[in-house]
C-alpha atoms as a PDB file:
ATOM      1  CA  MET A   1     105.018 160.839 110.067  1.00  0.00           C
ATOM      2  CA  GLY A   2     106.988 159.165 112.820  1.00  0.00           C
ATOM      3  CA  GLY A   3     103.951 157.534 114.450  1.00  0.00           C
ATOM      4  CA  HIS A   4     103.785 159.980 117.346  1.00  0.00           C
ATOM      5  CA  VAL A   5     100.866 159.252 119.681  1.00  0.00           C
ATOM      6  CA  ASP A   6      99.383 162.064 121.716  1.00  0.00           C
ATOM      7  CA  PRO A   7      99.179 161.016 125.432  1.00  0.00           C
ATOM      8  CA  GLY A   8      95.745 162.609 125.622  1.00  0.00           C
ATOM      9  CA  ASP A   9      94.516 160.626 122.629  1.00  0.00           C
ATOM     10  CA  ASP A  10      91.799 158.249 123.771  1.00  0.00           C
ATOM     11  CA  SER A  11      91.328 156.455 120.465  1.00  0.00           C
ATOM     12  CA  ARG A  12      91.396 153.074 122.212  1.00  0.00           C
ATOM     13  CA  SER A  13      88.324 153.820 124.318  1.00  0.00           C
ATOM     14  CA  ASP A  14      86.398 150.970 122.697  1.00  0.00           C
ATOM     15  CA  ALA A  15      88.775 148.375 124.204  1.00  0.00           C
ATOM     16  CA  ASP A  16      87.238 146.390 127.042  1.00  0.00           C
ATOM     17  CA  ASP A  17      89.479 146.441 130.106  1.00  0.00           C
ATOM     18  CA  GLY A  18      87.178 144.197 132.124  1.00  0.00           C
ATOM     19  CA  SER A  19      86.452 146.788 134.788  1.00  0.00           C
ATOM     20  CA  ASP A  20      82.717 146.613 134.184  1.00  0.00           C
ATOM     21  CA  ALA A  21      82.543 142.821 134.215  1.00  0.00           C
ATOM     22  CA  GLU A  22      79.899 141.363 136.504  1.00  0.00           C
ATOM     23  CA  PRO A  23      80.594 138.231 138.552  1.00  0.00           C
ATOM     24  CA  VAL A  24      78.933 135.041 137.407  1.00  0.00           C
ATOM     25  CA  GLU A  25      76.381 134.005 140.009  1.00  0.00           C
ATOM     26  CA  ASP A  26      74.958 130.790 138.564  1.00  0.00           C
ATOM     27  CA  ALA A  27      78.252 129.137 137.627  1.00  0.00           C
ATOM     28  CA  GLU A  28      78.290 125.359 137.823  1.00  0.00           C
ATOM     29  CA  PRO A  29      81.136 123.768 139.810  1.00  0.00           C
ATOM     30  CA  VAL A  30      83.865 122.399 137.548  1.00  0.00           C
ATOM     31  CA  ASP A  31      84.733 118.738 137.958  1.00  0.00           C
ATOM     32  CA  HIS A  32      88.494 118.468 137.516  1.00  0.00           C
ATOM     33  CA  ASP A  33      90.455 115.370 136.618  1.00  0.00           C
ATOM     34  CA  PRO A  34      92.265 113.541 139.448  1.00  0.00           C
ATOM     35  CA  TRP A  35      95.669 114.644 138.082  1.00  0.00           C
ATOM     36  CA  TYR A  36      94.629 118.276 138.554  1.00  0.00           C
ATOM     37  CA  ARG A  37      93.804 117.815 142.241  1.00  0.00           C
ATOM     38  CA  TRP A  38      96.988 115.814 142.784  1.00  0.00           C
ATOM     39  CA  GLY A  39      99.037 118.407 140.920  1.00  0.00           C
ATOM     40  CA  ARG A  40      97.577 121.213 143.017  1.00  0.00           C
ATOM     41  CA  ARG A  41      98.529 119.415 146.214  1.00  0.00           C
ATOM     42  CA  VAL A  42     102.081 118.892 144.971  1.00  0.00           C
ATOM     43  CA  LEU A  43     102.315 122.540 143.921  1.00  0.00           C
ATOM     44  CA  TYR A  44     101.100 123.759 147.321  1.00  0.00           C
ATOM     45  CA  GLY A  45     103.605 121.446 149.014  1.00  0.00           C
ATOM     46  CA  GLU A  46     106.427 122.852 146.911  1.00  0.00           C
ATOM     47  CA  MET A  47     105.355 126.407 147.757  1.00  0.00           C
ATOM     48  CA  LEU A  48     105.298 125.557 151.468  1.00  0.00           C
ATOM     49  CA  LEU A  49     108.756 124.005 151.197  1.00  0.00           C
ATOM     50  CA  ALA A  50     110.062 127.140 149.455  1.00  0.00           C
ATOM     51  CA  VAL A  51     108.685 129.323 152.263  1.00  0.00           C
ATOM     52  CA  VAL A  52     110.268 127.091 154.928  1.00  0.00           C
ATOM     53  CA  VAL A  53     113.651 127.149 153.170  1.00  0.00           C
ATOM     54  CA  THR A  54     113.432 130.941 152.805  1.00  0.00           C
ATOM     55  CA  VAL A  55     112.619 131.445 156.492  1.00  0.00           C
ATOM     56  CA  PHE A  56     115.434 129.088 157.530  1.00  0.00           C
ATOM     57  CA  SER A  57     117.885 130.864 155.245  1.00  0.00           C
ATOM     58  CA  LEU A  58     116.928 134.272 156.620  1.00  0.00           C
ATOM     59  CA  TYR A  59     117.195 132.975 160.188  1.00  0.00           C
ATOM     60  CA  THR A  60     120.684 131.577 159.681  1.00  0.00           C
ATOM     61  CA  ALA A  61     121.843 134.675 157.816  1.00  0.00           C
ATOM     62  CA  LEU A  62     120.521 137.115 160.391  1.00  0.00           C
ATOM     63  CA  THR A  63     121.796 135.177 163.410  1.00  0.00           C
ATOM     64  CA  GLY A  64     125.282 134.778 161.945  1.00  0.00           C
ATOM     65  CA  SER A  65     125.267 130.991 161.918  1.00  0.00           C
ATOM     66  CA  ALA A  66     125.059 130.550 158.143  1.00  0.00           C
ATOM     67  CA  GLY A  67     128.618 129.221 157.756  1.00  0.00           C
ATOM     68  CA  VAL A  68     128.525 126.998 160.847  1.00  0.00           C
ATOM     69  CA  LEU A  69     126.027 124.434 159.558  1.00  0.00           C
ATOM     70  CA  VAL A  70     128.566 122.232 157.768  1.00  0.00           C
END
């Protein structure tokens, strides 16, 4: 009744958590479509832009010149 589960109950021991997985050594390289390579470059550019904006924002906030830019 109530569906109480004992914390020490290890009834899910047969579940594979992936900790014993071995790396694949003979994997063939995957040939991606051109849109995938282009999309990755755009994504990395957007991440770089986000880091630059974050650093600039922190700089202006910490130096007290955040309201002077306009």
